[in-house]
Structures are given as structure tokens and as C-alpha cells.
Amino acid sequence: MELIREKPDLADYLAADDAIDHGHPLVRETAARLRAGASDACAYAEAAYVFVRDTIPHSQDAGDPRVTWRASDVIAQRTGICHAKAHALAALLRAEGVPAALCYQRLTDDDGSNPVIHGLVAVGLPGCGGWSRQDPRGNKPGVDARFSTDGERLAFPVRPELGEVDYPELYAAPHPAVLRALRAAPDRPYLWRTLPGAL
């Protein structure tokens, strides 16, 4: 699949906004700590990915009812669904000058019912293969996502026969429908009922 940038200017994929608040001190401190142990931008991107995937539990997996959506809150509270974790990873990458985009999949249950939008991050690393999609949601039995720039290792490869979709767009900011649902949800059970099923 060919990934398509929503914005032509690469600077848009380094910008901060309400959700990807990479100017926040906690985001900056976390990024600097991870960057100190990385030899180059590609190694830093992988370190940031592993940090978000492995040290911030997916709130459904952990049974945590809290809803986070701002990157600094995701890192501070150590919880979030896929979208929130994608915001955190994008913020950490951008904090160190690595272009990052938000991208999405439409997933369903095994019978094709209950469609939901799943959030990913695309990392723009010119020296490491260009844009590559990464899934920081967190692993569990049956899910083994890995950082990879030479072939995707996502949590959920799509099943077109069930109506699942890989959206090719690389968004500079969270999709408005997703962000609206996150911001309006008082808890995760409510969020599960209100997340969009398509973009």
C-alpha cells in the first residue's frame, strides 16, 4: 500500500497541537532520556516505540476505565487506548525532530461486525526506508507488534473479506472524529460505544 501524506510540508509532521503536545516538560524529559541511549534517529524511533508499547498499558488490556488523549497525560498516567498511545509516540518522535504521522485502520470482529477505527503511527525516517507504519498498542496473547522499517509488523493485519481497511492517509493531526470521541468520553466503556467505525 502506498502511504499518502495529507500535508505536503514535512514541518506539519513535526508540529505540536493539543493532543501531540511535545513541548510539555514530561514529554521533553522522556524524549531526552530515550534519545540519550540511541545512536541515531532510527534507533531513537525504535526506543520511543518500545517505550510506548511496553511501559504504557493499553487501557482495555489492563481493565483501566480512564480515557487519555493528550500525549503528556498518556505518559503521566501510563494508560491509553491505541489512539492515545499513538499520540504519545508521535509526540516523543516529534520532540526529537523525527517526523511522525497518525494513520488508521478499520477493524472488525471475526464475523465482520462491530467495526472500529484503530490508531497507528507512521514514522518518517529518510535514512531508514522512508515512512513506515508502527503499532504501539501493546502486545498480548495473539498480538505481536514490532518496530520495523523493512516490512510491517502491526498488531492487526487487515482482513478485506470482513470489510477491514488500511487507510493510506498520513495525518499531521489526529482525525477529528477520533479526537472528538476521545475528548467527550467520561470513561472507556462509554468510549467503546462512541468510537467511529469508519473515516
C-alpha atoms as a PDB file:
ATOM      1  CA  MET A   1       0.000   0.000   0.000  1.00  0.00           C
ATOM      2  CA  GLU A   2       1.277   3.447  -0.895  1.00  0.00           C
ATOM      3  CA  LEU A   3       1.076   5.861   2.029  1.00  0.00           C
ATOM      4  CA  ILE A   4      -0.228   9.320   1.123  1.00  0.00           C
ATOM      5  CA  ARG A   5       0.744  12.448   3.023  1.00  0.00           C
ATOM      6  CA  GLU A   6      -2.236  14.621   3.865  1.00  0.00           C
ATOM      7  CA  LYS A   7       0.046  17.674   4.070  1.00  0.00           C
ATOM      8  CA  PRO A   8       2.851  18.365   1.592  1.00  0.00           C
ATOM      9  CA  ASP A   9       5.005  20.274   4.087  1.00  0.00           C
ATOM     10  CA  LEU A  10       7.089  17.955   6.268  1.00  0.00           C
ATOM     11  CA  ALA A  11       7.034  20.621   9.016  1.00  0.00           C
ATOM     12  CA  ASP A  12       3.371  19.752   9.625  1.00  0.00           C
ATOM     13  CA  TYR A  13       4.529  16.313  10.787  1.00  0.00           C
ATOM     14  CA  LEU A  14       6.794  17.919  13.400  1.00  0.00           C
ATOM     15  CA  ALA A  15       4.204  20.364  14.782  1.00  0.00           C
ATOM     16  CA  ALA A  16       2.626  20.363  18.229  1.00  0.00           C
ATOM     17  CA  ASP A  17      -1.114  20.561  18.896  1.00  0.00           C
ATOM     18  CA  ASP A  18      -3.497  19.880  21.791  1.00  0.00           C
ATOM     19  CA  ALA A  19      -3.102  16.104  21.519  1.00  0.00           C
ATOM     20  CA  ILE A  20       0.523  15.886  20.378  1.00  0.00           C
ATOM     21  CA  ASP A  21       1.862  18.309  22.979  1.00  0.00           C
ATOM     22  CA  HIS A  22       5.562  17.619  22.557  1.00  0.00           C
ATOM     23  CA  GLY A  23       6.513  20.913  24.175  1.00  0.00           C
ATOM     24  CA  HIS A  24       5.269  19.636  27.539  1.00  0.00           C
ATOM     25  CA  PRO A  25       8.127  19.155  30.047  1.00  0.00           C
ATOM     26  CA  LEU A  26       7.276  15.497  30.724  1.00  0.00           C
ATOM     27  CA  VAL A  27       7.298  14.673  27.015  1.00  0.00           C
ATOM     28  CA  ARG A  28      10.592  16.538  26.540  1.00  0.00           C
ATOM     29  CA  GLU A  29      12.219  14.830  29.562  1.00  0.00           C
ATOM     30  CA  THR A  30      11.074  11.388  28.429  1.00  0.00           C
ATOM     31  CA  ALA A  31      12.264  12.002  24.882  1.00  0.00           C
ATOM     32  CA  ALA A  32      15.660  13.282  26.043  1.00  0.00           C
ATOM     33  CA  ARG A  33      16.141  10.240  28.289  1.00  0.00           C
ATOM     34  CA  LEU A  34      15.318   7.845  25.455  1.00  0.00           C
ATOM     35  CA  ARG A  35      17.439   9.783  22.958  1.00  0.00           C
ATOM     36  CA  ALA A  36      20.483   9.631  25.242  1.00  0.00           C
ATOM     37  CA  GLY A  37      20.643   5.868  24.767  1.00  0.00           C
ATOM     38  CA  ALA A  38      20.112   5.879  20.990  1.00  0.00           C
ATOM     39  CA  SER A  39      22.891   6.058  18.398  1.00  0.00           C
ATOM     40  CA  ASP A  40      20.834   7.698  15.642  1.00  0.00           C
ATOM     41  CA  ALA A  41      17.291   8.756  14.671  1.00  0.00           C
ATOM     42  CA  CYS A  42      16.292   5.224  13.654  1.00  0.00           C
ATOM     43  CA  ALA A  43      17.463   3.780  16.974  1.00  0.00           C
ATOM     44  CA  TYR A  44      15.670   6.589  18.808  1.00  0.00           C
ATOM     45  CA  ALA A  45      12.424   5.911  16.916  1.00  0.00           C
ATOM     46  CA  GLU A  46      12.596   2.256  17.929  1.00  0.00           C
ATOM     47  CA  ALA A  47      13.364   3.160  21.570  1.00  0.00           C
ATOM     48  CA  ALA A  48      10.395   5.558  21.681  1.00  0.00           C
ATOM     49  CA  TYR A  49       8.173   2.900  20.102  1.00  0.00           C
ATOM     50  CA  VAL A  50       9.206   0.210  22.600  1.00  0.00           C
ATOM     51  CA  PHE A  51       8.730   2.645  25.493  1.00  0.00           C
ATOM     52  CA  VAL A  52       5.137   3.417  24.475  1.00  0.00           C
ATOM     53  CA  ARG A  53       4.274  -0.157  23.528  1.00  0.00           C
ATOM     54  CA  ASP A  54       5.704  -1.773  26.644  1.00  0.00           C
ATOM     55  CA  THR A  55       5.509   0.728  29.523  1.00  0.00           C
ATOM     56  CA  ILE A  56       2.086   2.263  28.873  1.00  0.00           C
ATOM     57  CA  PRO A  57      -0.538  -0.490  29.150  1.00  0.00           C
ATOM     58  CA  HIS A  58      -3.450  -0.453  26.728  1.00  0.00           C
ATOM     59  CA  SER A  59      -6.342   0.531  28.984  1.00  0.00           C
ATOM     60  CA  GLN A  60      -8.613  -2.268  27.778  1.00  0.00           C
ATOM     61  CA  ASP A  61      -5.942  -4.910  28.356  1.00  0.00           C
ATOM     62  CA  ALA A  62      -5.336  -3.511  31.856  1.00  0.00           C
ATOM     63  CA  GLY A  63      -9.020  -3.034  32.707  1.00  0.00           C
ATOM     64  CA  ASP A  64      -8.399   0.681  33.272  1.00  0.00           C
ATOM     65  CA  PRO A  65     -11.535   2.812  32.748  1.00  0.00           C
ATOM     66  CA  ARG A  66      -9.637   6.109  32.374  1.00  0.00           C
ATOM     67  CA  VAL A  67      -9.601   7.843  28.996  1.00  0.00           C
ATOM     68  CA  THR A  68      -6.494   9.781  27.991  1.00  0.00           C
ATOM     69  CA  TRP A  69      -5.933  11.551  24.691  1.00  0.00           C
ATOM     70  CA  ARG A  70      -3.199  14.175  25.230  1.00  0.00           C
ATOM     71  CA  ALA A  71       0.321  12.749  24.859  1.00  0.00           C
ATOM     72  CA  SER A  72       1.597  14.202  28.133  1.00  0.00           C
ATOM     73  CA  ASP A  73      -1.365  12.702  30.024  1.00  0.00           C
ATOM     74  CA  VAL A  74      -0.832   9.307  28.409  1.00  0.00           C
ATOM     75  CA  ILE A  75       2.789   9.330  29.578  1.00  0.00           C
ATOM     76  CA  ALA A  76       1.967  10.703  33.044  1.00  0.00           C
ATOM     77  CA  GLN A  77      -0.974   8.386  33.756  1.00  0.00           C
ATOM     78  CA  ARG A  78       0.550   5.373  31.970  1.00  0.00           C
ATOM     79  CA  THR A  79      -2.693   4.392  30.268  1.00  0.00           C
ATOM     80  CA  GLY A  80      -4.498   4.804  26.975  1.00  0.00           C
ATOM     81  CA  ILE A  81      -6.160   3.055  24.074  1.00  0.00           C
ATOM     82  CA  CYS A  82      -4.440   2.714  20.702  1.00  0.00           C
ATOM     83  CA  HIS A  83      -5.201   6.298  19.667  1.00  0.00           C
ATOM     84  CA  ALA A  84      -3.861   7.784  22.887  1.00  0.00           C
ATOM     85  CA  LYS A  85      -0.713   5.683  22.675  1.00  0.00           C
ATOM     86  CA  ALA A  86      -0.262   6.774  19.058  1.00  0.00           C
ATOM     87  CA  HIS A  87      -0.465  10.414  20.199  1.00  0.00           C
ATOM     88  CA  ALA A  88       2.204   9.720  22.828  1.00  0.00           C
ATOM     89  CA  LEU A  89       4.533   8.056  20.334  1.00  0.00           C
ATOM     90  CA  ALA A  90       4.048  10.837  17.776  1.00  0.00           C
ATOM     91  CA  ALA A  91       4.854  13.439  20.443  1.00  0.00           C
ATOM     92  CA  LEU A  92       8.025  11.642  21.550  1.00  0.00           C
ATOM     93  CA  LEU A  93       9.208  11.317  17.951  1.00  0.00           C
ATOM     94  CA  ARG A  94       8.467  14.932  17.080  1.00  0.00           C
ATOM     95  CA  ALA A  95      10.135  16.125  20.283  1.00  0.00           C
ATOM     96  CA  GLU A  96      13.421  14.867  18.838  1.00  0.00           C
ATOM     97  CA  GLY A  97      12.837  16.066  15.294  1.00  0.00           C
ATOM     98  CA  VAL A  98      11.574  12.790  13.821  1.00  0.00           C
ATOM     99  CA  PRO A  99       8.564  13.336  11.531  1.00  0.00           C
ATOM    100  CA  ALA A 100       5.535  11.351  12.670  1.00  0.00           C
ATOM    101  CA  ALA A 101       2.050  10.934  11.216  1.00  0.00           C
ATOM    102  CA  LEU A 102      -1.141   9.418  12.538  1.00  0.00           C
ATOM    103  CA  CYS A 103      -2.772   6.742  10.427  1.00  0.00           C
ATOM    104  CA  TYR A 104      -5.676   4.394  10.819  1.00  0.00           C
ATOM    105  CA  GLN A 105      -7.202   1.009  10.146  1.00  0.00           C
ATOM    106  CA  ARG A 106     -10.842  -0.068  10.153  1.00  0.00           C
ATOM    107  CA  LEU A 107     -11.073  -3.353  12.071  1.00  0.00           C
ATOM    108  CA  THR A 108     -13.988  -5.652  12.893  1.00  0.00           C
ATOM    109  CA  ASP A 109     -14.867  -8.671  14.960  1.00  0.00           C
ATOM    110  CA  ASP A 110     -14.176 -12.089  13.432  1.00  0.00           C
ATOM    111  CA  ASP A 111     -17.617 -12.132  11.795  1.00  0.00           C
ATOM    112  CA  GLY A 112     -17.228  -8.665  10.247  1.00  0.00           C
ATOM    113  CA  SER A 113     -19.436  -6.932  12.812  1.00  0.00           C
ATOM    114  CA  ASN A 114     -18.673  -4.060  15.212  1.00  0.00           C
ATOM    115  CA  PRO A 115     -16.310  -2.009  13.025  1.00  0.00           C
ATOM    116  CA  VAL A 116     -13.954   0.344  14.856  1.00  0.00           C
ATOM    117  CA  ILE A 117     -11.131   2.665  13.866  1.00  0.00           C
ATOM    118  CA  HIS A 118      -7.710   1.598  15.144  1.00  0.00           C
ATOM    119  CA  GLY A 119      -4.873   4.105  15.521  1.00  0.00           C
ATOM    120  CA  LEU A 120      -1.286   3.739  14.282  1.00  0.00           C
ATOM    121  CA  VAL A 121       1.755   5.957  13.794  1.00  0.00           C
ATOM    122  CA  ALA A 122       3.861   6.328  10.667  1.00  0.00           C
ATOM    123  CA  VAL A 123       7.486   7.285  11.248  1.00  0.00           C
ATOM    124  CA  GLY A 124       9.271   9.315   8.597  1.00  0.00           C
ATOM    125  CA  LEU A 125      12.893   8.191   8.569  1.00  0.00           C
ATOM    126  CA  PRO A 126      14.568   9.023   5.237  1.00  0.00           C
ATOM    127  CA  GLY A 127      17.705   7.089   6.165  1.00  0.00           C
ATOM    128  CA  CYS A 128      15.715   4.060   7.313  1.00  0.00           C
ATOM    129  CA  GLY A 129      13.320   3.366   4.469  1.00  0.00           C
ATOM    130  CA  GLY A 130      11.062   6.436   4.444  1.00  0.00           C
ATOM    131  CA  TRP A 131       7.595   6.318   6.030  1.00  0.00           C
ATOM    132  CA  SER A 132       6.775   3.124   7.894  1.00  0.00           C
ATOM    133  CA  ARG A 133       3.665   2.333   9.922  1.00  0.00           C
ATOM    134  CA  GLN A 134       4.073   1.204  13.528  1.00  0.00           C
ATOM    135  CA  ASP A 135       1.504  -0.068  16.038  1.00  0.00           C
ATOM    136  CA  PRO A 136       2.314   0.840  19.659  1.00  0.00           C
ATOM    137  CA  ARG A 137      -0.953  -0.514  21.155  1.00  0.00           C
ATOM    138  CA  GLY A 138       0.853  -3.124  23.274  1.00  0.00           C
ATOM    139  CA  ASN A 139       1.266  -6.852  22.866  1.00  0.00           C
ATOM    140  CA  LYS A 140      -0.798  -9.604  24.461  1.00  0.00           C
ATOM    141  CA  PRO A 141      -1.521 -13.244  23.622  1.00  0.00           C
ATOM    142  CA  GLY A 142      -2.219 -13.331  19.891  1.00  0.00           C
ATOM    143  CA  VAL A 143      -0.766  -9.842  19.282  1.00  0.00           C
ATOM    144  CA  ASP A 144       2.934  -9.435  18.477  1.00  0.00           C
ATOM    145  CA  ALA A 145       3.553  -5.974  17.030  1.00  0.00           C
ATOM    146  CA  ARG A 146       7.178  -4.988  16.432  1.00  0.00           C
ATOM    147  CA  PHE A 147       9.068  -1.906  15.287  1.00  0.00           C
ATOM    148  CA  SER A 148      10.077  -2.446  11.686  1.00  0.00           C
ATOM    149  CA  THR A 149      11.180  -0.245   8.802  1.00  0.00           C
ATOM    150  CA  ASP A 150      11.508  -3.057   6.252  1.00  0.00           C
ATOM    151  CA  GLY A 151       8.074  -4.672   6.362  1.00  0.00           C
ATOM    152  CA  GLU A 152       5.130  -4.012   8.645  1.00  0.00           C
ATOM    153  CA  ARG A 153       4.771  -5.886  11.937  1.00  0.00           C
ATOM    154  CA  LEU A 154       1.404  -4.485  13.003  1.00  0.00           C
ATOM    155  CA  ALA A 155      -0.870  -5.860  15.713  1.00  0.00           C
ATOM    156  CA  PHE A 156      -3.728  -6.491  13.292  1.00  0.00           C
ATOM    157  CA  PRO A 157      -3.192  -7.129   9.577  1.00  0.00           C
ATOM    158  CA  VAL A 158      -6.465  -6.220   7.882  1.00  0.00           C
ATOM    159  CA  ARG A 159      -8.890  -8.810   6.530  1.00  0.00           C
ATOM    160  CA  PRO A 160     -10.523  -7.223   3.458  1.00  0.00           C
ATOM    161  CA  GLU A 161     -13.032 -10.073   3.221  1.00  0.00           C
ATOM    162  CA  LEU A 162     -14.521  -8.807   6.509  1.00  0.00           C
ATOM    163  CA  GLY A 163     -14.646  -5.200   5.355  1.00  0.00           C
ATOM    164  CA  GLU A 164     -11.451  -4.215   7.166  1.00  0.00           C
ATOM    165  CA  VAL A 165      -9.456  -1.369   5.647  1.00  0.00           C
ATOM    166  CA  ASP A 166      -5.952   0.074   5.759  1.00  0.00           C
ATOM    167  CA  TYR A 167      -6.406   3.816   5.247  1.00  0.00           C
ATOM    168  CA  PRO A 168      -3.395   5.134   3.288  1.00  0.00           C
ATOM    169  CA  GLU A 169      -3.560   8.744   4.530  1.00  0.00           C
ATOM    170  CA  LEU A 170      -0.835  10.076   6.806  1.00  0.00           C
ATOM    171  CA  TYR A 171      -2.470  12.702   9.016  1.00  0.00           C
ATOM    172  CA  ALA A 172      -0.477  15.502  10.617  1.00  0.00           C
ATOM    173  CA  ALA A 173      -3.052  15.812  13.451  1.00  0.00           C
ATOM    174  CA  PRO A 174      -5.481  13.314  14.968  1.00  0.00           C
ATOM    175  CA  HIS A 175      -8.533  12.686  12.820  1.00  0.00           C
ATOM    176  CA  PRO A 176     -11.318  14.982  14.099  1.00  0.00           C
ATOM    177  CA  ALA A 177     -13.841  12.135  14.522  1.00  0.00           C
ATOM    178  CA  VAL A 178     -11.414  10.143  16.660  1.00  0.00           C
ATOM    179  CA  LEU A 179     -10.317  13.114  18.747  1.00  0.00           C
ATOM    180  CA  ARG A 180     -13.940  14.178  19.319  1.00  0.00           C
ATOM    181  CA  ALA A 181     -14.818  10.728  20.684  1.00  0.00           C
ATOM    182  CA  LEU A 182     -11.771  10.636  22.965  1.00  0.00           C
ATOM    183  CA  ARG A 183     -12.367  14.104  24.386  1.00  0.00           C
ATOM    184  CA  ALA A 184     -16.070  13.515  25.034  1.00  0.00           C
ATOM    185  CA  ALA A 185     -15.773  10.146  26.754  1.00  0.00           C
ATOM    186  CA  PRO A 186     -16.093  10.107  30.567  1.00  0.00           C
ATOM    187  CA  ASP A 187     -14.749   6.541  30.694  1.00  0.00           C
ATOM    188  CA  ARG A 188     -13.570   3.745  28.435  1.00  0.00           C
ATOM    189  CA  PRO A 189     -16.869   1.785  28.315  1.00  0.00           C
ATOM    190  CA  TYR A 190     -18.549   4.946  27.005  1.00  0.00           C
ATOM    191  CA  LEU A 191     -15.691   5.465  24.541  1.00  0.00           C
ATOM    192  CA  TRP A 192     -16.114   1.929  23.209  1.00  0.00           C
ATOM    193  CA  ARG A 193     -19.711   2.805  22.256  1.00  0.00           C
ATOM    194  CA  THR A 194     -18.804   6.094  20.576  1.00  0.00           C
ATOM    195  CA  LEU A 195     -15.561   5.498  18.652  1.00  0.00           C
ATOM    196  CA  PRO A 196     -16.148   5.881  14.905  1.00  0.00           C
ATOM    197  CA  GLY A 197     -16.496   2.755  12.789  1.00  0.00           C
ATOM    198  CA  ALA A 198     -15.206   4.409   9.612  1.00  0.00           C
ATOM    199  CA  LEU A 199     -13.366   7.538   8.474  1.00  0.00           C
END
